[in-house]
Amino acid sequence: MQKWEYMEIYTSQNTPSEREIAYVNGAKQKEGRPFDQKYINQLGSFGWELVIKNDNFYIFKRPKE
């Protein structure tokens, strides 16, 4: 049976083109890190897949090793 690991990301309330990562799995992040296409592509290269998006809240999952 496939097992999964999950990552929760909360972003700032800025406009979509200026969103910054605020929290990852409940841990406050450094200010100024953009949540943009480049960052999402990096997550994909590490096997993360977006499963839920709700305003400034995102959940990604990937197979657990």
PDB file of N, CA and C in Angstrom:
ATOM      1  N   MET A   1       0.841  -1.183   0.000  1.00  0.00           N
ATOM      2  CA  MET A   1       0.000   0.000   0.000  1.00  0.00           C
ATOM      3  C   MET A   1       0.888   1.249   0.000  1.00  0.00           C
ATOM      4  N   GLN A   2       0.574   2.176  -0.889  1.00  0.00           N
ATOM      5  CA  GLN A   2       1.350   3.415  -1.000  1.00  0.00           C
ATOM      6  C   GLN A   2       1.137   4.290   0.228  1.00  0.00           C
ATOM      7  N   LYS A   3       2.244   4.821   0.770  1.00  0.00           N
ATOM      8  CA  LYS A   3       2.174   5.778   1.874  1.00  0.00           C
ATOM      9  C   LYS A   3       2.652   7.123   1.352  1.00  0.00           C
ATOM     10  N   TRP A   4       2.114   8.189   1.948  1.00  0.00           N
ATOM     11  CA  TRP A   4       2.399   9.549   1.490  1.00  0.00           C
ATOM     12  C   TRP A   4       2.930  10.397   2.628  1.00  0.00           C
ATOM     13  N   GLU A   5       3.722  11.399   2.260  1.00  0.00           N
ATOM     14  CA  GLU A   5       4.075  12.456   3.203  1.00  0.00           C
ATOM     15  C   GLU A   5       3.498  13.752   2.645  1.00  0.00           C
ATOM     16  N   TYR A   6       3.161  14.650   3.546  1.00  0.00           N
ATOM     17  CA  TYR A   6       2.471  15.881   3.166  1.00  0.00           C
ATOM     18  C   TYR A   6       3.240  17.100   3.642  1.00  0.00           C
ATOM     19  N   MET A   7       3.068  18.192   2.911  1.00  0.00           N
ATOM     20  CA  MET A   7       3.678  19.466   3.284  1.00  0.00           C
ATOM     21  C   MET A   7       2.611  20.547   3.153  1.00  0.00           C
ATOM     22  N   GLU A   8       2.448  21.345   4.211  1.00  0.00           N
ATOM     23  CA  GLU A   8       1.508  22.461   4.210  1.00  0.00           C
ATOM     24  C   GLU A   8       2.290  23.757   4.041  1.00  0.00           C
ATOM     25  N   ILE A   9       1.831  24.591   3.142  1.00  0.00           N
ATOM     26  CA  ILE A   9       2.462  25.896   2.931  1.00  0.00           C
ATOM     27  C   ILE A   9       1.400  26.979   3.047  1.00  0.00           C
ATOM     28  N   TYR A  10       1.677  27.957   3.893  1.00  0.00           N
ATOM     29  CA  TYR A  10       0.853  29.159   3.989  1.00  0.00           C
ATOM     30  C   TYR A  10       1.653  30.298   3.376  1.00  0.00           C
ATOM     31  N   THR A  11       0.994  31.097   2.548  1.00  0.00           N
ATOM     32  CA  THR A  11       1.666  32.233   1.936  1.00  0.00           C
ATOM     33  C   THR A  11       1.112  33.538   2.492  1.00  0.00           C
ATOM     34  N   SER A  12       1.829  34.617   2.215  1.00  0.00           N
ATOM     35  CA  SER A  12       1.375  35.943   2.610  1.00  0.00           C
ATOM     36  C   SER A  12       0.114  36.300   1.841  1.00  0.00           C
ATOM     37  N   GLN A  13      -0.536  37.356   2.247  1.00  0.00           N
ATOM     38  CA  GLN A  13      -1.781  37.792   1.612  1.00  0.00           C
ATOM     39  C   GLN A  13      -1.532  38.752   0.454  1.00  0.00           C
ATOM     40  N   ASN A  14      -0.323  38.820  -0.043  1.00  0.00           N
ATOM     41  CA  ASN A  14      -0.025  39.713  -1.167  1.00  0.00           C
ATOM     42  C   ASN A  14      -0.733  39.242  -2.427  1.00  0.00           C
ATOM     43  N   THR A  15      -0.647  40.032  -3.469  1.00  0.00           N
ATOM     44  CA  THR A  15      -1.220  39.623  -4.754  1.00  0.00           C
ATOM     45  C   THR A  15      -0.507  38.358  -5.229  1.00  0.00           C
ATOM     46  N   PRO A  16      -1.142  37.549  -6.084  1.00  0.00           N
ATOM     47  CA  PRO A  16      -0.522  36.302  -6.533  1.00  0.00           C
ATOM     48  C   PRO A  16       0.881  36.468  -7.095  1.00  0.00           C
ATOM     49  N   SER A  17       1.151  37.566  -7.780  1.00  0.00           N
ATOM     50  CA  SER A  17       2.487  37.755  -8.356  1.00  0.00           C
ATOM     51  C   SER A  17       3.525  38.156  -7.311  1.00  0.00           C
ATOM     52  N   GLU A  18       3.095  38.503  -6.101  1.00  0.00           N
ATOM     53  CA  GLU A  18       4.011  38.944  -5.043  1.00  0.00           C
ATOM     54  C   GLU A  18       3.935  38.061  -3.805  1.00  0.00           C
ATOM     55  N   ARG A  19       3.301  36.888  -3.877  1.00  0.00           N
ATOM     56  CA  ARG A  19       3.142  36.032  -2.692  1.00  0.00           C
ATOM     57  C   ARG A  19       4.486  35.562  -2.176  1.00  0.00           C
ATOM     58  N   GLU A  20       4.593  35.529  -0.855  1.00  0.00           N
ATOM     59  CA  GLU A  20       5.793  35.027  -0.190  1.00  0.00           C
ATOM     60  C   GLU A  20       5.407  33.887   0.733  1.00  0.00           C
ATOM     61  N   ILE A  21       6.334  32.978   0.949  1.00  0.00           N
ATOM     62  CA  ILE A  21       6.098  31.844   1.829  1.00  0.00           C
ATOM     63  C   ILE A  21       6.151  32.339   3.269  1.00  0.00           C
ATOM     64  N   ALA A  22       5.102  32.086   4.033  1.00  0.00           N
ATOM     65  CA  ALA A  22       5.055  32.515   5.430  1.00  0.00           C
ATOM     66  C   ALA A  22       5.364  31.353   6.375  1.00  0.00           C
ATOM     67  N   TYR A  23       4.746  30.190   6.146  1.00  0.00           N
ATOM     68  CA  TYR A  23       4.935  29.014   7.003  1.00  0.00           C
ATOM     69  C   TYR A  23       5.018  27.756   6.148  1.00  0.00           C
ATOM     70  N   VAL A  24       5.887  26.840   6.558  1.00  0.00           N
ATOM     71  CA  VAL A  24       5.955  25.507   5.968  1.00  0.00           C
ATOM     72  C   VAL A  24       5.823  24.516   7.113  1.00  0.00           C
ATOM     73  N   ASN A  25       4.773  23.711   7.064  1.00  0.00           N
ATOM     74  CA  ASN A  25       4.484  22.743   8.134  1.00  0.00           C
ATOM     75  C   ASN A  25       4.506  23.397   9.512  1.00  0.00           C
ATOM     76  N   GLY A  26       3.958  24.598   9.583  1.00  0.00           N
ATOM     77  CA  GLY A  26       3.835  25.306  10.848  1.00  0.00           C
ATOM     78  C   GLY A  26       5.054  26.092  11.278  1.00  0.00           C
ATOM     79  N   ALA A  27       6.161  25.971  10.558  1.00  0.00           N
ATOM     80  CA  ALA A  27       7.394  26.697  10.915  1.00  0.00           C
ATOM     81  C   ALA A  27       7.476  28.002  10.129  1.00  0.00           C
ATOM     82  N   LYS A  28       7.638  29.125  10.851  1.00  0.00           N
ATOM     83  CA  LYS A  28       7.745  30.432  10.208  1.00  0.00           C
ATOM     84  C   LYS A  28       8.990  30.466   9.337  1.00  0.00           C
ATOM     85  N   GLN A  29       8.850  31.018   8.140  1.00  0.00           N
ATOM     86  CA  GLN A  29       9.942  31.092   7.175  1.00  0.00           C
ATOM     87  C   GLN A  29      10.539  32.488   7.114  1.00  0.00           C
ATOM     88  N   LYS A  30      11.739  32.578   6.559  1.00  0.00           N
ATOM     89  CA  LYS A  30      12.381  33.876   6.372  1.00  0.00           C
ATOM     90  C   LYS A  30      11.538  34.729   5.440  1.00  0.00           C
ATOM     91  N   GLU A  31      11.475  36.004   5.717  1.00  0.00           N
ATOM     92  CA  GLU A  31      10.716  36.907   4.857  1.00  0.00           C
ATOM     93  C   GLU A  31      11.413  37.068   3.518  1.00  0.00           C
ATOM     94  N   GLY A  32      10.618  37.273   2.491  1.00  0.00           N
ATOM     95  CA  GLY A  32      11.175  37.575   1.188  1.00  0.00           C
ATOM     96  C   GLY A  32      11.325  36.389   0.249  1.00  0.00           C
ATOM     97  N   ARG A  33      11.022  35.168   0.701  1.00  0.00           N
ATOM     98  CA  ARG A  33      11.130  34.014  -0.200  1.00  0.00           C
ATOM     99  C   ARG A  33       9.856  33.932  -1.030  1.00  0.00           C
ATOM    100  N   PRO A  34       9.951  34.153  -2.337  1.00  0.00           N
ATOM    101  CA  PRO A  34       8.750  34.185  -3.164  1.00  0.00           C
ATOM    102  C   PRO A  34       8.134  32.798  -3.364  1.00  0.00           C
ATOM    103  N   PHE A  35       6.825  32.770  -3.399  1.00  0.00           N
ATOM    104  CA  PHE A  35       6.079  31.567  -3.755  1.00  0.00           C
ATOM    105  C   PHE A  35       5.633  31.783  -5.189  1.00  0.00           C
ATOM    106  N   ASP A  36       6.490  31.365  -6.119  1.00  0.00           N
ATOM    107  CA  ASP A  36       6.260  31.631  -7.535  1.00  0.00           C
ATOM    108  C   ASP A  36       6.439  30.349  -8.353  1.00  0.00           C
ATOM    109  N   GLN A  37       6.349  30.483  -9.657  1.00  0.00           N
ATOM    110  CA  GLN A  37       6.459  29.336 -10.557  1.00  0.00           C
ATOM    111  C   GLN A  37       7.792  28.609 -10.374  1.00  0.00           C
ATOM    112  N   LYS A  38       8.862  29.357 -10.183  1.00  0.00           N
ATOM    113  CA  LYS A  38      10.178  28.744  -9.998  1.00  0.00           C
ATOM    114  C   LYS A  38      10.186  27.851  -8.746  1.00  0.00           C
ATOM    115  N   TYR A  39       9.629  28.338  -7.651  1.00  0.00           N
ATOM    116  CA  TYR A  39       9.589  27.568  -6.408  1.00  0.00           C
ATOM    117  C   TYR A  39       8.711  26.324  -6.569  1.00  0.00           C
ATOM    118  N   ILE A  40       7.548  26.485  -7.217  1.00  0.00           N
ATOM    119  CA  ILE A  40       6.651  25.345  -7.417  1.00  0.00           C
ATOM    120  C   ILE A  40       7.320  24.292  -8.300  1.00  0.00           C
ATOM    121  N   ASN A  41       8.064  24.717  -9.323  1.00  0.00           N
ATOM    122  CA  ASN A  41       8.796  23.767 -10.164  1.00  0.00           C
ATOM    123  C   ASN A  41       9.871  23.034  -9.365  1.00  0.00           C
ATOM    124  N   GLN A  42      10.517  23.716  -8.424  1.00  0.00           N
ATOM    125  CA  GLN A  42      11.506  23.064  -7.562  1.00  0.00           C
ATOM    126  C   GLN A  42      10.842  21.986  -6.716  1.00  0.00           C
ATOM    127  N   LEU A  43       9.666  22.294  -6.162  1.00  0.00           N
ATOM    128  CA  LEU A  43       8.943  21.287  -5.393  1.00  0.00           C
ATOM    129  C   LEU A  43       8.644  20.067  -6.261  1.00  0.00           C
ATOM    130  N   GLY A  44       8.195  20.300  -7.491  1.00  0.00           N
ATOM    131  CA  GLY A  44       7.903  19.209  -8.412  1.00  0.00           C
ATOM    132  C   GLY A  44       9.128  18.351  -8.700  1.00  0.00           C
ATOM    133  N   SER A  45      10.285  18.988  -8.804  1.00  0.00           N
ATOM    134  CA  SER A  45      11.508  18.217  -9.080  1.00  0.00           C
ATOM    135  C   SER A  45      11.889  17.325  -7.900  1.00  0.00           C
ATOM    136  N   PHE A  46      11.378  17.641  -6.715  1.00  0.00           N
ATOM    137  CA  PHE A  46      11.607  16.803  -5.537  1.00  0.00           C
ATOM    138  C   PHE A  46      10.454  15.833  -5.290  1.00  0.00           C
ATOM    139  N   GLY A  47       9.534  15.738  -6.259  1.00  0.00           N
ATOM    140  CA  GLY A  47       8.450  14.771  -6.173  1.00  0.00           C
ATOM    141  C   GLY A  47       7.173  15.266  -5.531  1.00  0.00           C
ATOM    142  N   TRP A  48       7.120  16.546  -5.140  1.00  0.00           N
ATOM    143  CA  TRP A  48       5.917  17.090  -4.508  1.00  0.00           C
ATOM    144  C   TRP A  48       4.860  17.394  -5.555  1.00  0.00           C
ATOM    145  N   GLU A  49       3.620  17.058  -5.247  1.00  0.00           N
ATOM    146  CA  GLU A  49       2.477  17.276  -6.121  1.00  0.00           C
ATOM    147  C   GLU A  49       1.425  18.079  -5.357  1.00  0.00           C
ATOM    148  N   LEU A  50       0.916  19.152  -5.975  1.00  0.00           N
ATOM    149  CA  LEU A  50      -0.120  19.965  -5.342  1.00  0.00           C
ATOM    150  C   LEU A  50      -1.428  19.190  -5.300  1.00  0.00           C
ATOM    151  N   VAL A  51      -2.028  19.083  -4.114  1.00  0.00           N
ATOM    152  CA  VAL A  51      -3.302  18.369  -3.995  1.00  0.00           C
ATOM    153  C   VAL A  51      -4.440  19.262  -3.513  1.00  0.00           C
ATOM    154  N   ILE A  52      -4.135  20.341  -2.780  1.00  0.00           N
ATOM    155  CA  ILE A  52      -5.168  21.262  -2.306  1.00  0.00           C
ATOM    156  C   ILE A  52      -4.642  22.692  -2.380  1.00  0.00           C
ATOM    157  N   LYS A  53      -5.476  23.589  -2.878  1.00  0.00           N
ATOM    158  CA  LYS A  53      -5.178  25.023  -2.854  1.00  0.00           C
ATOM    159  C   LYS A  53      -6.432  25.732  -2.375  1.00  0.00           C
ATOM    160  N   ASN A  54      -6.277  26.588  -1.371  1.00  0.00           N
ATOM    161  CA  ASN A  54      -7.397  27.354  -0.844  1.00  0.00           C
ATOM    162  C   ASN A  54      -6.861  28.715  -0.415  1.00  0.00           C
ATOM    163  N   ASP A  55      -7.102  29.733  -1.208  1.00  0.00           N
ATOM    164  CA  ASP A  55      -6.591  31.088  -0.957  1.00  0.00           C
ATOM    165  C   ASP A  55      -5.080  31.059  -0.759  1.00  0.00           C
ATOM    166  N   ASN A  56      -4.609  31.239   0.476  1.00  0.00           N
ATOM    167  CA  ASN A  56      -3.169  31.283   0.733  1.00  0.00           C
ATOM    168  C   ASN A  56      -2.675  30.011   1.432  1.00  0.00           C
ATOM    169  N   PHE A  57      -3.386  28.907   1.257  1.00  0.00           N
ATOM    170  CA  PHE A  57      -3.040  27.635   1.893  1.00  0.00           C
ATOM    171  C   PHE A  57      -2.899  26.568   0.813  1.00  0.00           C
ATOM    172  N   TYR A  58      -1.772  25.830   0.852  1.00  0.00           N
ATOM    173  CA  TYR A  58      -1.486  24.814  -0.143  1.00  0.00           C
ATOM    174  C   TYR A  58      -1.052  23.539   0.567  1.00  0.00           C
ATOM    175  N   ILE A  59      -1.488  22.404   0.057  1.00  0.00           N
ATOM    176  CA  ILE A  59      -1.002  21.115   0.555  1.00  0.00           C
ATOM    177  C   ILE A  59      -0.403  20.357  -0.629  1.00  0.00           C
ATOM    178  N   PHE A  60       0.818  19.883  -0.435  1.00  0.00           N
ATOM    179  CA  PHE A  60       1.512  19.069  -1.413  1.00  0.00           C
ATOM    180  C   PHE A  60       1.712  17.679  -0.816  1.00  0.00           C
ATOM    181  N   LYS A  61       1.832  16.665  -1.696  1.00  0.00           N
ATOM    182  CA  LYS A  61       2.126  15.321  -1.219  1.00  0.00           C
ATOM    183  C   LYS A  61       3.149  14.685  -2.149  1.00  0.00           C
ATOM    184  N   ARG A  62       3.835  13.659  -1.611  1.00  0.00           N
ATOM    185  CA  ARG A  62       4.736  12.848  -2.424  1.00  0.00           C
ATOM    186  C   ARG A  62       4.819  11.458  -1.782  1.00  0.00           C
ATOM    187  N   PRO A  63       5.181  10.462  -2.580  1.00  0.00           N
ATOM    188  CA  PRO A  63       5.294   9.116  -2.020  1.00  0.00           C
ATOM    189  C   PRO A  63       6.342   9.077  -0.898  1.00  0.00           C
ATOM    190  N   LYS A  64       6.012   8.380   0.152  1.00  0.00           N
ATOM    191  CA  LYS A  64       6.924   8.242   1.278  1.00  0.00           C
ATOM    192  C   LYS A  64       7.839   7.063   1.014  1.00  0.00           C
ATOM    193  N   GLU A  65       9.116   7.278   1.223  1.00  0.00           N
ATOM    194  CA  GLU A  65      10.106   6.210   0.980  1.00  0.00           C
ATOM    195  C   GLU A  65      10.300   5.352   2.194  1.00  0.00           C
TER     196      GLU A  65
END
